Amino acid sequence: MPDSYFVVRMKAVFDCVVNSLKNVLNIMIVYMLFHFIFAVIAVQLFKGRFFYCNDDSKNTEEECRSAVPRYVTP
């Protein structure tokens, strides 16, 4: 008798978890949408203002950016 009660209770817990997964998935979709929206807003707002050059021999941003080799495919 105790084993069947345990199985019934575990089935109820399992059913509850499975049924709640749909709500969790919906919440995650909304969360990711907000995350994406704020990421796009941040990119537009800051527009590279946090750029820094880790090469002390370069004085301007243009020099630092042009120091990266650019590979041209033939």
C-alpha atoms as a PDB file:
ATOM      1  CA  MET A   1       0.000   0.000   0.000  1.00  0.00           C
ATOM      2  CA  PRO A   2       2.736   2.603   0.787  1.00  0.00           C
ATOM      3  CA  ASP A   3       4.437   1.928  -2.565  1.00  0.00           C
ATOM      4  CA  SER A   4       1.318   2.696  -4.597  1.00  0.00           C
ATOM      5  CA  TYR A   5       0.775   5.928  -2.641  1.00  0.00           C
ATOM      6  CA  PHE A   6       4.364   6.962  -3.429  1.00  0.00           C
ATOM      7  CA  VAL A   7       3.882   6.207  -7.130  1.00  0.00           C
ATOM      8  CA  VAL A   8       0.629   8.184  -7.251  1.00  0.00           C
ATOM      9  CA  ARG A   9       2.249  11.185  -5.549  1.00  0.00           C
ATOM     10  CA  MET A  10       5.310  11.030  -7.821  1.00  0.00           C
ATOM     11  CA  LYS A  11       3.028  10.878 -10.865  1.00  0.00           C
ATOM     12  CA  ALA A  12       1.244  13.986  -9.622  1.00  0.00           C
ATOM     13  CA  VAL A  13       4.546  15.788  -9.142  1.00  0.00           C
ATOM     14  CA  PHE A  14       5.770  14.723 -12.577  1.00  0.00           C
ATOM     15  CA  ASP A  15       2.538  15.855 -14.233  1.00  0.00           C
ATOM     16  CA  CYS A  16       2.767  19.197 -12.479  1.00  0.00           C
ATOM     17  CA  VAL A  17       6.350  19.735 -13.672  1.00  0.00           C
ATOM     18  CA  VAL A  18       5.514  18.767 -17.257  1.00  0.00           C
ATOM     19  CA  ASN A  19       2.484  21.065 -17.327  1.00  0.00           C
ATOM     20  CA  SER A  20       4.515  23.983 -15.953  1.00  0.00           C
ATOM     21  CA  LEU A  21       7.182  23.637 -18.665  1.00  0.00           C
ATOM     22  CA  LYS A  22       4.892  25.373 -21.164  1.00  0.00           C
ATOM     23  CA  ASN A  23       4.651  28.416 -18.901  1.00  0.00           C
ATOM     24  CA  VAL A  24       8.388  28.419 -18.282  1.00  0.00           C
ATOM     25  CA  LEU A  25       9.021  28.288 -22.022  1.00  0.00           C
ATOM     26  CA  ASN A  26       6.690  31.248 -22.603  1.00  0.00           C
ATOM     27  CA  ILE A  27       8.433  33.250 -19.888  1.00  0.00           C
ATOM     28  CA  MET A  28      11.831  32.439 -21.416  1.00  0.00           C
ATOM     29  CA  ILE A  29      10.645  33.616 -24.849  1.00  0.00           C
ATOM     30  CA  VAL A  30       9.456  36.924 -23.397  1.00  0.00           C
ATOM     31  CA  TYR A  31      12.715  37.281 -21.444  1.00  0.00           C
ATOM     32  CA  MET A  32      14.829  36.677 -24.555  1.00  0.00           C
ATOM     33  CA  LEU A  33      12.707  39.161 -26.527  1.00  0.00           C
ATOM     34  CA  PHE A  34      13.278  41.873 -23.919  1.00  0.00           C
ATOM     35  CA  HIS A  35      16.965  40.996 -23.783  1.00  0.00           C
ATOM     36  CA  PHE A  36      17.226  41.352 -27.562  1.00  0.00           C
ATOM     37  CA  ILE A  37      15.336  44.656 -27.582  1.00  0.00           C
ATOM     38  CA  PHE A  38      17.566  46.182 -24.912  1.00  0.00           C
ATOM     39  CA  ALA A  39      20.686  44.879 -26.675  1.00  0.00           C
ATOM     40  CA  VAL A  40      19.639  46.597 -29.908  1.00  0.00           C
ATOM     41  CA  ILE A  41      18.873  49.812 -28.015  1.00  0.00           C
ATOM     42  CA  ALA A  42      22.290  49.688 -26.297  1.00  0.00           C
ATOM     43  CA  VAL A  43      24.117  49.199 -29.591  1.00  0.00           C
ATOM     44  CA  GLN A  44      22.308  52.198 -31.069  1.00  0.00           C
ATOM     45  CA  LEU A  45      22.807  54.300 -27.947  1.00  0.00           C
ATOM     46  CA  PHE A  46      26.516  53.750 -27.350  1.00  0.00           C
ATOM     47  CA  LYS A  47      27.734  53.349 -30.974  1.00  0.00           C
ATOM     48  CA  GLY A  48      31.274  52.256 -30.093  1.00  0.00           C
ATOM     49  CA  ARG A  49      31.921  54.785 -27.310  1.00  0.00           C
ATOM     50  CA  PHE A  50      33.571  52.079 -25.209  1.00  0.00           C
ATOM     51  CA  PHE A  51      36.257  51.438 -27.815  1.00  0.00           C
ATOM     52  CA  TYR A  52      39.782  51.356 -26.459  1.00  0.00           C
ATOM     53  CA  CYS A  53      43.106  50.452 -28.007  1.00  0.00           C
ATOM     54  CA  ASN A  54      45.407  48.111 -26.120  1.00  0.00           C
ATOM     55  CA  ASP A  55      48.404  49.078 -28.269  1.00  0.00           C
ATOM     56  CA  ASP A  56      50.221  51.973 -26.587  1.00  0.00           C
ATOM     57  CA  SER A  57      52.174  52.863 -29.725  1.00  0.00           C
ATOM     58  CA  LYS A  58      48.999  54.036 -31.490  1.00  0.00           C
ATOM     59  CA  ASN A  59      47.735  57.540 -30.788  1.00  0.00           C
ATOM     60  CA  THR A  60      44.379  57.709 -32.540  1.00  0.00           C
ATOM     61  CA  GLU A  61      41.468  55.364 -32.993  1.00  0.00           C
ATOM     62  CA  GLU A  62      42.015  55.226 -36.754  1.00  0.00           C
ATOM     63  CA  GLU A  63      45.621  54.085 -36.301  1.00  0.00           C
ATOM     64  CA  CYS A  64      44.571  51.395 -33.892  1.00  0.00           C
ATOM     65  CA  ARG A  65      41.782  50.122 -36.109  1.00  0.00           C
ATOM     66  CA  SER A  66      43.989  50.091 -39.189  1.00  0.00           C
ATOM     67  CA  ALA A  67      46.650  48.037 -37.380  1.00  0.00           C
ATOM     68  CA  VAL A  68      44.521  44.897 -37.734  1.00  0.00           C
ATOM     69  CA  PRO A  69      45.543  43.018 -40.881  1.00  0.00           C
ATOM     70  CA  ARG A  70      42.781  42.730 -43.429  1.00  0.00           C
ATOM     71  CA  TYR A  71      42.755  39.620 -45.538  1.00  0.00           C
ATOM     72  CA  VAL A  72      41.555  39.980 -49.095  1.00  0.00           C
ATOM     73  CA  THR A  73      40.360  36.864 -50.834  1.00  0.00           C
ATOM     74  CA  PRO A  74      41.507  36.606 -54.435  1.00  0.00           C
END
